[in-house]
Each structure stands twice: as structure tokens, then as C-alpha cells.
Amino acid sequence: MDSEAVCRTQFLEAVTRLGLQVSAKNSDAAMDGFSLPNDFYLKWGNETGKMLRSEIPLTANIPIQP
């Protein structure tokens, strides 16, 4: 079994032990009230990578708009 499958199995076992439920309803990306484009997290990750590589200044706010 590859490491991703092992992590997924361990996660599901932990969720089951805690009596939690995982479903599309409670794992919706817009559940916090913000509707973001599908590629927003890719853009966010790209910009944070630039900050970590010192290609752009490190700031408290990510310089992109959803």
C-alpha cells in the first residue's frame, strides 16, 4: 500500500473512532461563506512559494484576488 493510501486509511480510522462523519456537505470548500474559483488554491500556493523563495516580499496578506 502506498503512503497516500496508508494516510487515508489512518485518517478514516481516526474519524470513525471519534464518531465523526465525513461527507461532501461538511467538507465543502465554500462552507466558510466564501466562494472561490477552483484554481484559487493553486494561485495561493504559487504566491506563497514565491514568498518562501524570496522572489517577492514576505507580507501578511497574499497579493492575489479571488
PDB file of N, CA and C in Angstrom:
ATOM      1  N   MET A   1       0.849  -1.173   0.000  1.00  0.00           N
ATOM      2  CA  MET A   1       0.000   0.000   0.000  1.00  0.00           C
ATOM      3  C   MET A   1       0.898   1.241   0.000  1.00  0.00           C
ATOM      4  N   ASP A   2       0.598   2.214  -0.850  1.00  0.00           N
ATOM      5  CA  ASP A   2       1.421   3.417  -0.909  1.00  0.00           C
ATOM      6  C   ASP A   2       1.123   4.322   0.292  1.00  0.00           C
ATOM      7  N   SER A   3       1.983   5.305   0.520  1.00  0.00           N
ATOM      8  CA  SER A   3       1.857   6.149   1.706  1.00  0.00           C
ATOM      9  C   SER A   3       0.569   6.965   1.715  1.00  0.00           C
ATOM     10  N   GLU A   4       0.090   7.370   0.543  1.00  0.00           N
ATOM     11  CA  GLU A   4      -1.162   8.130   0.486  1.00  0.00           C
ATOM     12  C   GLU A   4      -2.335   7.269   0.947  1.00  0.00           C
ATOM     13  N   ALA A   5      -2.349   6.029   0.510  1.00  0.00           N
ATOM     14  CA  ALA A   5      -3.419   5.117   0.917  1.00  0.00           C
ATOM     15  C   ALA A   5      -3.353   4.831   2.413  1.00  0.00           C
ATOM     16  N   VAL A   6      -2.149   4.697   2.952  1.00  0.00           N
ATOM     17  CA  VAL A   6      -1.983   4.473   4.384  1.00  0.00           C
ATOM     18  C   VAL A   6      -2.507   5.675   5.167  1.00  0.00           C
ATOM     19  N   CYS A   7      -2.165   6.891   4.743  1.00  0.00           N
ATOM     20  CA  CYS A   7      -2.636   8.103   5.417  1.00  0.00           C
ATOM     21  C   CYS A   7      -4.151   8.203   5.357  1.00  0.00           C
ATOM     22  N   ARG A   8      -4.716   7.909   4.204  1.00  0.00           N
ATOM     23  CA  ARG A   8      -6.172   7.971   4.038  1.00  0.00           C
ATOM     24  C   ARG A   8      -6.845   6.966   4.975  1.00  0.00           C
ATOM     25  N   THR A   9      -6.290   5.756   5.052  1.00  0.00           N
ATOM     26  CA  THR A   9      -6.842   4.727   5.928  1.00  0.00           C
ATOM     27  C   THR A   9      -6.749   5.152   7.389  1.00  0.00           C
ATOM     28  N   GLN A  10      -5.602   5.691   7.800  1.00  0.00           N
ATOM     29  CA  GLN A  10      -5.428   6.137   9.178  1.00  0.00           C
ATOM     30  C   GLN A  10      -6.384   7.277   9.505  1.00  0.00           C
ATOM     31  N   PHE A  11      -6.580   8.186   8.566  1.00  0.00           N
ATOM     32  CA  PHE A  11      -7.499   9.301   8.766  1.00  0.00           C
ATOM     33  C   PHE A  11      -8.919   8.783   8.977  1.00  0.00           C
ATOM     34  N   LEU A  12      -9.353   7.889   8.095  1.00  0.00           N
ATOM     35  CA  LEU A  12     -10.709   7.360   8.199  1.00  0.00           C
ATOM     36  C   LEU A  12     -10.910   6.561   9.489  1.00  0.00           C
ATOM     37  N   GLU A  13      -9.878   5.830   9.922  1.00  0.00           N
ATOM     38  CA  GLU A  13      -9.970   5.093  11.189  1.00  0.00           C
ATOM     39  C   GLU A  13     -10.100   6.057  12.363  1.00  0.00           C
ATOM     40  N   ALA A  14      -9.334   7.144  12.345  1.00  0.00           N
ATOM     41  CA  ALA A  14      -9.401   8.139  13.423  1.00  0.00           C
ATOM     42  C   ALA A  14     -10.764   8.816  13.448  1.00  0.00           C
ATOM     43  N   VAL A  15     -11.289   9.156  12.281  1.00  0.00           N
ATOM     44  CA  VAL A  15     -12.604   9.795  12.194  1.00  0.00           C
ATOM     45  C   VAL A  15     -13.671   8.857  12.755  1.00  0.00           C
ATOM     46  N   THR A  16     -13.568   7.584  12.417  1.00  0.00           N
ATOM     47  CA  THR A  16     -14.534   6.597  12.898  1.00  0.00           C
ATOM     48  C   THR A  16     -14.452   6.446  14.413  1.00  0.00           C
ATOM     49  N   ARG A  17     -13.229   6.377  14.951  1.00  0.00           N
ATOM     50  CA  ARG A  17     -13.059   6.249  16.402  1.00  0.00           C
ATOM     51  C   ARG A  17     -13.651   7.436  17.148  1.00  0.00           C
ATOM     52  N   LEU A  18     -13.524   8.621  16.571  1.00  0.00           N
ATOM     53  CA  LEU A  18     -14.036   9.821  17.212  1.00  0.00           C
ATOM     54  C   LEU A  18     -15.536  10.007  17.000  1.00  0.00           C
ATOM     55  N   GLY A  19     -16.126   9.180  16.165  1.00  0.00           N
ATOM     56  CA  GLY A  19     -17.555   9.274  15.910  1.00  0.00           C
ATOM     57  C   GLY A  19     -17.931  10.424  14.990  1.00  0.00           C
ATOM     58  N   LEU A  20     -16.976  10.895  14.190  1.00  0.00           N
ATOM     59  CA  LEU A  20     -17.240  11.989  13.262  1.00  0.00           C
ATOM     60  C   LEU A  20     -17.710  11.436  11.928  1.00  0.00           C
ATOM     61  N   GLN A  21     -18.340  12.285  11.166  1.00  0.00           N
ATOM     62  CA  GLN A  21     -18.767  11.889   9.832  1.00  0.00           C
ATOM     63  C   GLN A  21     -18.113  12.803   8.809  1.00  0.00           C
ATOM     64  N   VAL A  22     -17.673  12.224   7.715  1.00  0.00           N
ATOM     65  CA  VAL A  22     -17.093  12.989   6.624  1.00  0.00           C
ATOM     66  C   VAL A  22     -18.010  12.831   5.432  1.00  0.00           C
ATOM     67  N   SER A  23     -18.463  13.944   4.910  1.00  0.00           N
ATOM     68  CA  SER A  23     -19.326  13.889   3.737  1.00  0.00           C
ATOM     69  C   SER A  23     -19.063  15.113   2.880  1.00  0.00           C
ATOM     70  N   ALA A  24     -19.630  15.112   1.691  1.00  0.00           N
ATOM     71  CA  ALA A  24     -19.475  16.266   0.797  1.00  0.00           C
ATOM     72  C   ALA A  24     -20.060  17.514   1.436  1.00  0.00           C
ATOM     73  N   LYS A  25     -21.094  17.351   2.251  1.00  0.00           N
ATOM     74  CA  LYS A  25     -21.737  18.503   2.867  1.00  0.00           C
ATOM     75  C   LYS A  25     -20.808  19.216   3.852  1.00  0.00           C
ATOM     76  N   ASN A  26     -20.107  18.471   4.711  1.00  0.00           N
ATOM     77  CA  ASN A  26     -19.268  19.141   5.694  1.00  0.00           C
ATOM     78  C   ASN A  26     -17.820  19.302   5.247  1.00  0.00           C
ATOM     79  N   SER A  27     -17.516  18.968   4.018  1.00  0.00           N
ATOM     80  CA  SER A  27     -16.160  19.192   3.522  1.00  0.00           C
ATOM     81  C   SER A  27     -16.168  20.142   2.330  1.00  0.00           C
ATOM     82  N   ASP A  28     -17.240  20.902   2.189  1.00  0.00           N
ATOM     83  CA  ASP A  28     -17.378  21.850   1.089  1.00  0.00           C
ATOM     84  C   ASP A  28     -16.362  22.980   1.242  1.00  0.00           C
ATOM     85  N   ALA A  29     -15.675  23.301   0.179  1.00  0.00           N
ATOM     86  CA  ALA A  29     -14.669  24.360   0.224  1.00  0.00           C
ATOM     87  C   ALA A  29     -15.276  25.723   0.504  1.00  0.00           C
ATOM     88  N   ALA A  30     -16.554  25.902   0.218  1.00  0.00           N
ATOM     89  CA  ALA A  30     -17.220  27.194   0.430  1.00  0.00           C
ATOM     90  C   ALA A  30     -17.996  27.225   1.745  1.00  0.00           C
ATOM     91  N   MET A  31     -17.738  26.288   2.656  1.00  0.00           N
ATOM     92  CA  MET A  31     -18.522  26.214   3.883  1.00  0.00           C
ATOM     93  C   MET A  31     -18.268  27.405   4.814  1.00  0.00           C
ATOM     94  N   ASP A  32     -17.191  28.144   4.600  1.00  0.00           N
ATOM     95  CA  ASP A  32     -16.930  29.314   5.429  1.00  0.00           C
ATOM     96  C   ASP A  32     -17.634  30.557   4.901  1.00  0.00           C
ATOM     97  N   GLY A  33     -18.418  30.410   3.847  1.00  0.00           N
ATOM     98  CA  GLY A  33     -19.179  31.525   3.307  1.00  0.00           C
ATOM     99  C   GLY A  33     -18.504  32.240   2.154  1.00  0.00           C
ATOM    100  N   PHE A  34     -17.302  31.815   1.788  1.00  0.00           N
ATOM    101  CA  PHE A  34     -16.586  32.429   0.681  1.00  0.00           C
ATOM    102  C   PHE A  34     -16.578  31.476  -0.503  1.00  0.00           C
ATOM    103  N   SER A  35     -17.012  31.961  -1.627  1.00  0.00           N
ATOM    104  CA  SER A  35     -16.995  31.157  -2.835  1.00  0.00           C
ATOM    105  C   SER A  35     -15.767  31.554  -3.650  1.00  0.00           C
ATOM    106  N   LEU A  36     -14.842  30.632  -3.801  1.00  0.00           N
ATOM    107  CA  LEU A  36     -13.590  30.908  -4.510  1.00  0.00           C
ATOM    108  C   LEU A  36     -13.537  30.120  -5.809  1.00  0.00           C
ATOM    109  N   PRO A  37     -12.806  30.642  -6.799  1.00  0.00           N
ATOM    110  CA  PRO A  37     -12.627  29.885  -8.048  1.00  0.00           C
ATOM    111  C   PRO A  37     -11.898  28.566  -7.772  1.00  0.00           C
ATOM    112  N   ASN A  38     -12.105  27.580  -8.614  1.00  0.00           N
ATOM    113  CA  ASN A  38     -11.488  26.269  -8.418  1.00  0.00           C
ATOM    114  C   ASN A  38      -9.970  26.323  -8.340  1.00  0.00           C
ATOM    115  N   ASP A  39      -9.359  27.248  -9.072  1.00  0.00           N
ATOM    116  CA  ASP A  39      -7.895  27.298  -9.092  1.00  0.00           C
ATOM    117  C   ASP A  39      -7.307  28.286  -8.087  1.00  0.00           C
ATOM    118  N   PHE A  40      -8.118  28.829  -7.187  1.00  0.00           N
ATOM    119  CA  PHE A  40      -7.620  29.824  -6.245  1.00  0.00           C
ATOM    120  C   PHE A  40      -6.495  29.266  -5.382  1.00  0.00           C
ATOM    121  N   TYR A  41      -6.641  28.032  -4.895  1.00  0.00           N
ATOM    122  CA  TYR A  41      -5.625  27.466  -4.004  1.00  0.00           C
ATOM    123  C   TYR A  41      -4.314  27.203  -4.748  1.00  0.00           C
ATOM    124  N   LEU A  42      -4.404  26.925  -6.047  1.00  0.00           N
ATOM    125  CA  LEU A  42      -3.173  26.798  -6.836  1.00  0.00           C
ATOM    126  C   LEU A  42      -2.466  28.146  -6.946  1.00  0.00           C
ATOM    127  N   LYS A  43      -3.241  29.197  -7.189  1.00  0.00           N
ATOM    128  CA  LYS A  43      -2.663  30.544  -7.266  1.00  0.00           C
ATOM    129  C   LYS A  43      -2.066  30.947  -5.919  1.00  0.00           C
ATOM    130  N   TRP A  44      -2.804  30.643  -4.840  1.00  0.00           N
ATOM    131  CA  TRP A  44      -2.334  30.972  -3.498  1.00  0.00           C
ATOM    132  C   TRP A  44      -1.029  30.238  -3.194  1.00  0.00           C
ATOM    133  N   GLY A  45      -0.985  28.966  -3.545  1.00  0.00           N
ATOM    134  CA  GLY A  45       0.237  28.185  -3.322  1.00  0.00           C
ATOM    135  C   GLY A  45       1.411  28.707  -4.128  1.00  0.00           C
ATOM    136  N   ASN A  46       1.148  29.137  -5.353  1.00  0.00           N
ATOM    137  CA  ASN A  46       2.201  29.700  -6.193  1.00  0.00           C
ATOM    138  C   ASN A  46       2.786  30.959  -5.557  1.00  0.00           C
ATOM    139  N   GLU A  47       1.903  31.841  -5.077  1.00  0.00           N
ATOM    140  CA  GLU A  47       2.371  33.085  -4.466  1.00  0.00           C
ATOM    141  C   GLU A  47       3.108  32.840  -3.155  1.00  0.00           C
ATOM    142  N   THR A  48       2.633  31.908  -2.343  1.00  0.00           N
ATOM    143  CA  THR A  48       3.346  31.614  -1.096  1.00  0.00           C
ATOM    144  C   THR A  48       4.712  31.007  -1.385  1.00  0.00           C
ATOM    145  N   GLY A  49       4.793  30.189  -2.436  1.00  0.00           N
ATOM    146  CA  GLY A  49       6.086  29.643  -2.838  1.00  0.00           C
ATOM    147  C   GLY A  49       7.065  30.733  -3.235  1.00  0.00           C
ATOM    148  N   LYS A  50       6.573  31.735  -3.958  1.00  0.00           N
ATOM    149  CA  LYS A  50       7.428  32.872  -4.337  1.00  0.00           C
ATOM    150  C   LYS A  50       7.938  33.598  -3.100  1.00  0.00           C
ATOM    151  N   MET A  51       7.061  33.746  -2.093  1.00  0.00           N
ATOM    152  CA  MET A  51       7.488  34.403  -0.853  1.00  0.00           C
ATOM    153  C   MET A  51       8.562  33.586  -0.144  1.00  0.00           C
ATOM    154  N   LEU A  52       8.376  32.287  -0.075  1.00  0.00           N
ATOM    155  CA  LEU A  52       9.346  31.435   0.607  1.00  0.00           C
ATOM    156  C   LEU A  52      10.681  31.394  -0.116  1.00  0.00           C
ATOM    157  N   ARG A  53      10.653  31.565  -1.439  1.00  0.00           N
ATOM    158  CA  ARG A  53      11.904  31.593  -2.210  1.00  0.00           C
ATOM    159  C   ARG A  53      12.481  33.003  -2.318  1.00  0.00           C
ATOM    160  N   SER A  54      11.871  33.954  -1.609  1.00  0.00           N
ATOM    161  CA  SER A  54      12.304  35.365  -1.609  1.00  0.00           C
ATOM    162  C   SER A  54      12.227  36.005  -2.990  1.00  0.00           C
ATOM    163  N   GLU A  55      11.317  35.533  -3.836  1.00  0.00           N
ATOM    164  CA  GLU A  55      11.135  36.139  -5.153  1.00  0.00           C
ATOM    165  C   GLU A  55      10.247  37.373  -5.066  1.00  0.00           C
ATOM    166  N   ILE A  56       9.385  37.408  -4.058  1.00  0.00           N
ATOM    167  CA  ILE A  56       8.569  38.592  -3.776  1.00  0.00           C
ATOM    168  C   ILE A  56       8.645  38.827  -2.273  1.00  0.00           C
ATOM    169  N   PRO A  57       8.360  40.055  -1.816  1.00  0.00           N
ATOM    170  CA  PRO A  57       8.467  40.345  -0.386  1.00  0.00           C
ATOM    171  C   PRO A  57       7.483  39.509   0.445  1.00  0.00           C
ATOM    172  N   LEU A  58       7.913  39.130   1.626  1.00  0.00           N
ATOM    173  CA  LEU A  58       7.070  38.414   2.570  1.00  0.00           C
ATOM    174  C   LEU A  58       6.105  39.401   3.208  1.00  0.00           C
ATOM    175  N   THR A  59       4.817  39.156   3.059  1.00  0.00           N
ATOM    176  CA  THR A  59       3.799  40.032   3.618  1.00  0.00           C
ATOM    177  C   THR A  59       2.759  39.212   4.359  1.00  0.00           C
ATOM    178  N   ALA A  60       1.965  39.874   5.192  1.00  0.00           N
ATOM    179  CA  ALA A  60       0.899  39.209   5.936  1.00  0.00           C
ATOM    180  C   ALA A  60      -0.262  38.845   5.013  1.00  0.00           C
ATOM    181  N   ASN A  61      -0.449  39.594   3.950  1.00  0.00           N
ATOM    182  CA  ASN A  61      -1.534  39.345   3.006  1.00  0.00           C
ATOM    183  C   ASN A  61      -0.974  38.797   1.701  1.00  0.00           C
ATOM    184  N   ILE A  62      -1.608  37.726   1.210  1.00  0.00           N
ATOM    185  CA  ILE A  62      -1.203  37.141  -0.062  1.00  0.00           C
ATOM    186  C   ILE A  62      -1.659  38.106  -1.180  1.00  0.00           C
ATOM    187  N   PRO A  63      -0.770  38.499  -2.080  1.00  0.00           N
ATOM    188  CA  PRO A  63      -1.084  39.518  -3.081  1.00  0.00           C
ATOM    189  C   PRO A  63      -1.875  39.013  -4.294  1.00  0.00           C
ATOM    190  N   ILE A  64      -2.977  38.312  -4.043  1.00  0.00           N
ATOM    191  CA  ILE A  64      -3.833  37.868  -5.141  1.00  0.00           C
ATOM    192  C   ILE A  64      -5.288  38.125  -4.749  1.00  0.00           C
ATOM    193  N   GLN A  65      -6.134  38.214  -5.741  1.00  0.00           N
ATOM    194  CA  GLN A  65      -7.570  38.407  -5.513  1.00  0.00           C
ATOM    195  C   GLN A  65      -8.313  37.176  -6.015  1.00  0.00           C
ATOM    196  N   PRO A  66      -9.318  36.723  -5.276  1.00  0.00           N
ATOM    197  CA  PRO A  66     -10.079  35.546  -5.742  1.00  0.00           C
ATOM    198  C   PRO A  66     -10.892  35.852  -6.984  1.00  0.00           C
TER     199      PRO A  66
END
